[in-house]
PDB file of N, CA and C in Angstrom:
ATOM      1  N   MET A   1     175.801 167.234  77.982  1.00  0.00           N
ATOM      2  CA  MET A   1     177.351 167.069  78.499  1.00  0.00           C
ATOM      3  C   MET A   1     178.464 167.171  77.351  1.00  0.00           C
ATOM      4  N   LYS A   2     178.050 166.627  76.576  1.00  0.00           N
ATOM      5  CA  LYS A   2     178.873 166.472  75.594  1.00  0.00           C
ATOM      6  C   LYS A   2     179.579 168.284  74.787  1.00  0.00           C
ATOM      7  N   THR A   3     178.134 169.109  74.780  1.00  0.00           N
ATOM      8  CA  THR A   3     178.517 170.358  74.141  1.00  0.00           C
ATOM      9  C   THR A   3     179.334 170.680  75.449  1.00  0.00           C
ATOM     10  N   LEU A   4     179.446 170.995  76.763  1.00  0.00           N
ATOM     11  CA  LEU A   4     179.845 171.566  77.945  1.00  0.00           C
ATOM     12  C   LEU A   4     181.359 170.835  77.482  1.00  0.00           C
ATOM     13  N   PHE A   5     181.634 169.797  77.191  1.00  0.00           N
ATOM     14  CA  PHE A   5     182.893 169.583  77.167  1.00  0.00           C
ATOM     15  C   PHE A   5     183.119 169.869  76.101  1.00  0.00           C
ATOM     16  N   ALA A   6     182.584 170.136  74.791  1.00  0.00           N
ATOM     17  CA  ALA A   6     183.365 170.899  73.754  1.00  0.00           C
ATOM     18  C   ALA A   6     183.728 171.797  74.088  1.00  0.00           C
ATOM     19  N   ILE A   7     183.209 172.995  74.506  1.00  0.00           N
ATOM     20  CA  ILE A   7     183.204 174.251  75.049  1.00  0.00           C
ATOM     21  C   ILE A   7     184.586 174.046  75.818  1.00  0.00           C
ATOM     22  N   LEU A   8     184.691 173.628  77.132  1.00  0.00           N
ATOM     23  CA  LEU A   8     185.373 173.895  77.779  1.00  0.00           C
ATOM     24  C   LEU A   8     187.188 173.125  76.855  1.00  0.00           C
ATOM     25  N   ALA A   9     187.322 172.197  76.113  1.00  0.00           N
ATOM     26  CA  ALA A   9     187.787 172.072  75.160  1.00  0.00           C
ATOM     27  C   ALA A   9     188.418 173.231  74.266  1.00  0.00           C
ATOM     28  N   GLY A  10     187.566 173.938  73.842  1.00  0.00           N
ATOM     29  CA  GLY A  10     187.400 175.243  73.075  1.00  0.00           C
ATOM     30  C   GLY A  10     187.882 176.445  73.609  1.00  0.00           C
ATOM     31  N   LEU A  11     187.609 176.536  74.872  1.00  0.00           N
ATOM     32  CA  LEU A  11     188.382 177.636  75.973  1.00  0.00           C
ATOM     33  C   LEU A  11     189.467 177.029  76.251  1.00  0.00           C
ATOM     34  N   LEU A  12     190.028 175.500  76.299  1.00  0.00           N
ATOM     35  CA  LEU A  12     191.779 175.221  76.562  1.00  0.00           C
ATOM     36  C   LEU A  12     192.520 175.771  75.484  1.00  0.00           C
ATOM     37  N   ALA A  13     191.902 175.315  74.071  1.00  0.00           N
ATOM     38  CA  ALA A  13     192.422 175.489  72.758  1.00  0.00           C
ATOM     39  C   ALA A  13     192.952 176.939  72.367  1.00  0.00           C
ATOM     40  N   THR A  14     191.719 178.073  72.755  1.00  0.00           N
ATOM     41  CA  THR A  14     191.876 179.260  72.508  1.00  0.00           C
ATOM     42  C   THR A  14     193.058 179.742  73.413  1.00  0.00           C
ATOM     43  N   GLY A  15     192.901 179.269  74.934  1.00  0.00           N
ATOM     44  CA  GLY A  15     193.981 179.989  75.821  1.00  0.00           C
ATOM     45  C   GLY A  15     195.269 179.382  75.111  1.00  0.00           C
ATOM     46  N   ALA A  16     195.342 178.213  74.890  1.00  0.00           N
ATOM     47  CA  ALA A  16     196.672 177.225  74.296  1.00  0.00           C
ATOM     48  C   ALA A  16     197.339 178.521  73.155  1.00  0.00           C
ATOM     49  N   ALA A  17     196.175 178.787  72.451  1.00  0.00           N
ATOM     50  CA  ALA A  17     196.460 179.783  71.121  1.00  0.00           C
ATOM     51  C   ALA A  17     197.350 181.369  71.699  1.00  0.00           C
ATOM     52  N   GLU A  18     196.848 181.911  72.537  1.00  0.00           N
ATOM     53  CA  GLU A  18     196.994 183.061  72.727  1.00  0.00           C
ATOM     54  C   GLU A  18     198.405 183.170  74.304  1.00  0.00           C
ATOM     55  N   ALA A  19     198.808 181.506  74.320  1.00  0.00           N
ATOM     56  CA  ALA A  19     199.790 181.329  75.247  1.00  0.00           C
ATOM     57  C   ALA A  19     201.163 181.740  74.389  1.00  0.00           C
ATOM     58  N   HIS A  20     200.822 180.581  73.243  1.00  0.00           N
ATOM     59  CA  HIS A  20     202.082 180.741  71.848  1.00  0.00           C
ATOM     60  C   HIS A  20     201.397 181.915  70.533  1.00  0.00           C
ATOM     61  N   PRO A  21     201.460 183.118  70.977  1.00  0.00           N
ATOM     62  CA  PRO A  21     201.068 183.832  70.179  1.00  0.00           C
ATOM     63  C   PRO A  21     201.518 183.954  68.340  1.00  0.00           C
ATOM     64  N   ALA A  22     202.681 183.317  68.592  1.00  0.00           N
ATOM     65  CA  ALA A  22     203.682 183.514  67.353  1.00  0.00           C
ATOM     66  C   ALA A  22     203.330 182.183  66.508  1.00  0.00           C
ATOM     67  N   ALA A  23     202.715 181.163  67.073  1.00  0.00           N
ATOM     68  CA  ALA A  23     202.198 179.886  66.422  1.00  0.00           C
ATOM     69  C   ALA A  23     201.143 180.272  65.805  1.00  0.00           C
ATOM     70  N   SER A  24     199.998 181.430  66.230  1.00  0.00           N
ATOM     71  CA  SER A  24     199.039 181.409  65.265  1.00  0.00           C
ATOM     72  C   SER A  24     198.609 182.431  65.773  1.00  0.00           C
ATOM     73  N   LEU A  25     198.874 184.102  64.468  1.00  0.00           N
ATOM     74  CA  LEU A  25     198.360 184.806  64.979  1.00  0.00           C
ATOM     75  C   LEU A  25     197.104 185.331  64.611  1.00  0.00           C
ATOM     76  N   HIS A  26     196.803 184.531  63.618  1.00  0.00           N
ATOM     77  CA  HIS A  26     195.075 185.275  63.003  1.00  0.00           C
ATOM     78  C   HIS A  26     193.968 184.900  64.054  1.00  0.00           C
ATOM     79  N   LEU A  27     194.078 182.952  64.726  1.00  0.00           N
ATOM     80  CA  LEU A  27     193.641 182.928  65.263  1.00  0.00           C
ATOM     81  C   LEU A  27     193.082 183.525  66.190  1.00  0.00           C
ATOM     82  N   HIS A  28     194.041 184.070  67.331  1.00  0.00           N
ATOM     83  CA  HIS A  28     192.997 184.774  67.671  1.00  0.00           C
ATOM     84  C   HIS A  28     192.361 186.030  67.995  1.00  0.00           C
ATOM     85  N   ALA A  29     192.523 187.424  66.811  1.00  0.00           N
ATOM     86  CA  ALA A  29     191.633 187.482  66.172  1.00  0.00           C
ATOM     87  C   ALA A  29     190.314 187.214  65.997  1.00  0.00           C
ATOM     88  N   ALA A  30     190.275 186.037  65.267  1.00  0.00           N
ATOM     89  CA  ALA A  30     189.119 185.199  64.710  1.00  0.00           C
ATOM     90  C   ALA A  30     188.542 184.478  66.045  1.00  0.00           C
ATOM     91  N   SER A  31     189.294 183.904  67.139  1.00  0.00           N
ATOM     92  CA  SER A  31     188.748 183.471  67.799  1.00  0.00           C
ATOM     93  C   SER A  31     188.234 184.275  68.932  1.00  0.00           C
ATOM     94  N   GLN A  32     188.363 185.083  69.363  1.00  0.00           N
ATOM     95  CA  GLN A  32     188.171 186.078  70.790  1.00  0.00           C
ATOM     96  C   GLN A  32     186.805 186.304  70.639  1.00  0.00           C
ATOM     97  N   PRO A  33     185.802 186.594  69.827  1.00  0.00           N
ATOM     98  CA  PRO A  33     184.566 186.645  70.035  1.00  0.00           C
ATOM     99  C   PRO A  33     184.078 185.142  70.305  1.00  0.00           C
ATOM    100  N   VAL A  34     184.311 184.104  69.911  1.00  0.00           N
ATOM    101  CA  VAL A  34     183.868 183.134  70.106  1.00  0.00           C
ATOM    102  C   VAL A  34     183.981 182.281  71.603  1.00  0.00           C
ATOM    103  N   GLN A  35     185.122 182.808  71.664  1.00  0.00           N
ATOM    104  CA  GLN A  35     186.051 182.672  73.054  1.00  0.00           C
ATOM    105  C   GLN A  35     184.979 183.290  74.241  1.00  0.00           C
ATOM    106  N   MET A  36     184.393 184.408  73.932  1.00  0.00           N
ATOM    107  CA  MET A  36     183.913 185.281  74.781  1.00  0.00           C
ATOM    108  C   MET A  36     182.333 184.484  74.527  1.00  0.00           C
ATOM    109  N   HIS A  37     181.448 184.247  73.921  1.00  0.00           N
ATOM    110  CA  HIS A  37     180.305 183.198  73.270  1.00  0.00           C
ATOM    111  C   HIS A  37     180.178 182.297  74.434  1.00  0.00           C
ATOM    112  N   ALA A  38     181.751 181.580  74.500  1.00  0.00           N
ATOM    113  CA  ALA A  38     181.716 180.330  74.705  1.00  0.00           C
ATOM    114  C   ALA A  38     181.777 180.228  76.341  1.00  0.00           C
ATOM    115  N   ALA A  39     182.261 181.343  76.696  1.00  0.00           N
ATOM    116  CA  ALA A  39     182.447 181.870  78.217  1.00  0.00           C
ATOM    117  C   ALA A  39     181.220 181.916  78.968  1.00  0.00           C
ATOM    118  N   LEU A  40     180.287 182.586  78.039  1.00  0.00           N
ATOM    119  CA  LEU A  40     179.092 183.618  78.667  1.00  0.00           C
ATOM    120  C   LEU A  40     177.849 181.824  78.336  1.00  0.00           C
ATOM    121  N   VAL A  41     178.493 181.256  77.412  1.00  0.00           N
ATOM    122  CA  VAL A  41     177.293 180.200  77.599  1.00  0.00           C
ATOM    123  C   VAL A  41     177.721 179.225  78.555  1.00  0.00           C
ATOM    124  N   LEU A  42     179.165 179.180  78.713  1.00  0.00           N
ATOM    125  CA  LEU A  42     179.480 178.326  80.193  1.00  0.00           C
ATOM    126  C   LEU A  42     178.836 178.532  81.465  1.00  0.00           C
ATOM    127  N   LEU A  43     179.043 179.825  81.522  1.00  0.00           N
ATOM    128  CA  LEU A  43     178.340 180.739  82.809  1.00  0.00           C
ATOM    129  C   LEU A  43     177.110 180.627  82.641  1.00  0.00           C
ATOM    130  N   GLY A  44     176.203 180.598  81.754  1.00  0.00           N
ATOM    131  CA  GLY A  44     174.791 180.156  81.665  1.00  0.00           C
ATOM    132  C   GLY A  44     174.230 178.931  82.514  1.00  0.00           C
ATOM    133  N   VAL A  45     175.355 178.110  81.995  1.00  0.00           N
ATOM    134  CA  VAL A  45     174.730 176.201  82.028  1.00  0.00           C
ATOM    135  C   VAL A  45     174.892 176.471  83.545  1.00  0.00           C
ATOM    136  N   LEU A  46     176.566 177.217  83.873  1.00  0.00           N
ATOM    137  CA  LEU A  46     176.772 176.759  85.370  1.00  0.00           C
ATOM    138  C   LEU A  46     175.448 177.506  86.629  1.00  0.00           C
ATOM    139  N   ALA A  47     174.941 178.373  85.783  1.00  0.00           N
ATOM    140  CA  ALA A  47     173.869 178.892  86.466  1.00  0.00           C
ATOM    141  C   ALA A  47     172.761 178.285  86.489  1.00  0.00           C
ATOM    142  N   VAL A  48     172.193 177.904  85.501  1.00  0.00           N
ATOM    143  CA  VAL A  48     171.440 177.092  85.662  1.00  0.00           C
ATOM    144  C   VAL A  48     171.113 175.726  86.111  1.00  0.00           C
ATOM    145  N   TRP A  49     172.299 175.411  86.062  1.00  0.00           N
ATOM    146  CA  TRP A  49     172.545 174.093  87.395  1.00  0.00           C
ATOM    147  C   TRP A  49     172.404 174.298  88.450  1.00  0.00           C
ATOM    148  N   ALA A  50     173.256 175.798  89.013  1.00  0.00           N
ATOM    149  CA  ALA A  50     173.291 175.980  90.386  1.00  0.00           C
ATOM    150  C   ALA A  50     172.086 176.036  90.720  1.00  0.00           C
ATOM    151  N   ALA A  51     170.706 176.943  89.991  1.00  0.00           N
ATOM    152  CA  ALA A  51     169.128 177.235  89.937  1.00  0.00           C
ATOM    153  C   ALA A  51     168.953 175.844  90.534  1.00  0.00           C
ATOM    154  N   GLY A  52     168.819 175.092  89.383  1.00  0.00           N
ATOM    155  CA  GLY A  52     168.548 173.665  89.713  1.00  0.00           C
ATOM    156  C   GLY A  52     168.904 172.530  91.397  1.00  0.00           C
ATOM    157  N   VAL A  53     169.908 172.923  91.677  1.00  0.00           N
ATOM    158  CA  VAL A  53     170.523 172.442  92.697  1.00  0.00           C
ATOM    159  C   VAL A  53     169.655 173.520  93.736  1.00  0.00           C
ATOM    160  N   TRP A  54     169.724 174.676  93.670  1.00  0.00           N
ATOM    161  CA  TRP A  54     168.975 175.281  95.091  1.00  0.00           C
ATOM    162  C   TRP A  54     167.310 174.417  94.829  1.00  0.00           C
ATOM    163  N   VAL A  55     166.554 174.513  94.153  1.00  0.00           N
ATOM    164  CA  VAL A  55     165.470 174.313  94.030  1.00  0.00           C
ATOM    165  C   VAL A  55     165.491 172.795  94.525  1.00  0.00           C
ATOM    166  N   VAL A  56     166.103 171.751  94.053  1.00  0.00           N
ATOM    167  CA  VAL A  56     165.849 170.617  94.806  1.00  0.00           C
ATOM    168  C   VAL A  56     166.463 170.552  96.165  1.00  0.00           C
ATOM    169  N   GLU A  57     166.802 171.403  96.834  1.00  0.00           N
ATOM    170  CA  GLU A  57     167.673 171.750  97.948  1.00  0.00           C
ATOM    171  C   GLU A  57     166.293 172.046  98.603  1.00  0.00           C
ATOM    172  N   THR A  58     165.850 172.762  98.228  1.00  0.00           N
ATOM    173  CA  THR A  58     164.560 173.567  98.799  1.00  0.00           C
ATOM    174  C   THR A  58     163.778 172.474  99.047  1.00  0.00           C
ATOM    175  N   ILE A  59     163.409 171.847  98.292  1.00  0.00           N
ATOM    176  CA  ILE A  59     162.089 170.852  97.846  1.00  0.00           C
ATOM    177  C   ILE A  59     162.584 169.937  98.997  1.00  0.00           C
ATOM    178  N   ALA A  60     163.721 169.638  99.174  1.00  0.00           N
ATOM    179  CA  ALA A  60     164.636 168.416 100.027  1.00  0.00           C
ATOM    180  C   ALA A  60     163.888 169.073 101.633  1.00  0.00           C
ATOM    181  N   THR A  61     164.754 169.982 102.054  1.00  0.00           N
ATOM    182  CA  THR A  61     164.373 170.465 102.999  1.00  0.00           C
ATOM    183  C   THR A  61     162.783 170.850 103.325  1.00  0.00           C
ATOM    184  N   ARG A  62     161.852 171.074 103.035  1.00  0.00           N
ATOM    185  CA  ARG A  62     160.693 171.267 103.274  1.00  0.00           C
ATOM    186  C   ARG A  62     159.988 170.083 103.471  1.00  0.00           C
ATOM    187  N   ARG A  63     160.672 168.844 102.899  1.00  0.00           N
ATOM    188  CA  ARG A  63     159.880 168.074 102.933  1.00  0.00           C
ATOM    189  C   ARG A  63     160.395 167.174 104.162  1.00  0.00           C
ATOM    190  N   GLY A  64     161.547 167.737 104.451  1.00  0.00           N
ATOM    191  CA  GLY A  64     162.404 166.634 105.862  1.00  0.00           C
ATOM    192  C   GLY A  64     163.449 165.570 105.025  1.00  0.00           C
ATOM    193  N   VAL A  65     163.946 165.716 104.276  1.00  0.00           N
ATOM    194  CA  VAL A  65     164.499 164.948 103.651  1.00  0.00           C
ATOM    195  C   VAL A  65     166.074 164.863 104.349  1.00  0.00           C
TER     196      VAL A  65
END
């Protein structure tokens, strides 16, 4: 869970740097691959979470819970 918050904080930080490009022009070029990687990791985490929810719901439905 700490990793997820770290990824979200990183995405927010790079988004803030892009909102004010005059503040740090070099950060944008250096952080773009990192931001893309973080977004893909977050997407993967959400996909695994959704699959887990689907499995739990399917098992619960079949058991009649």
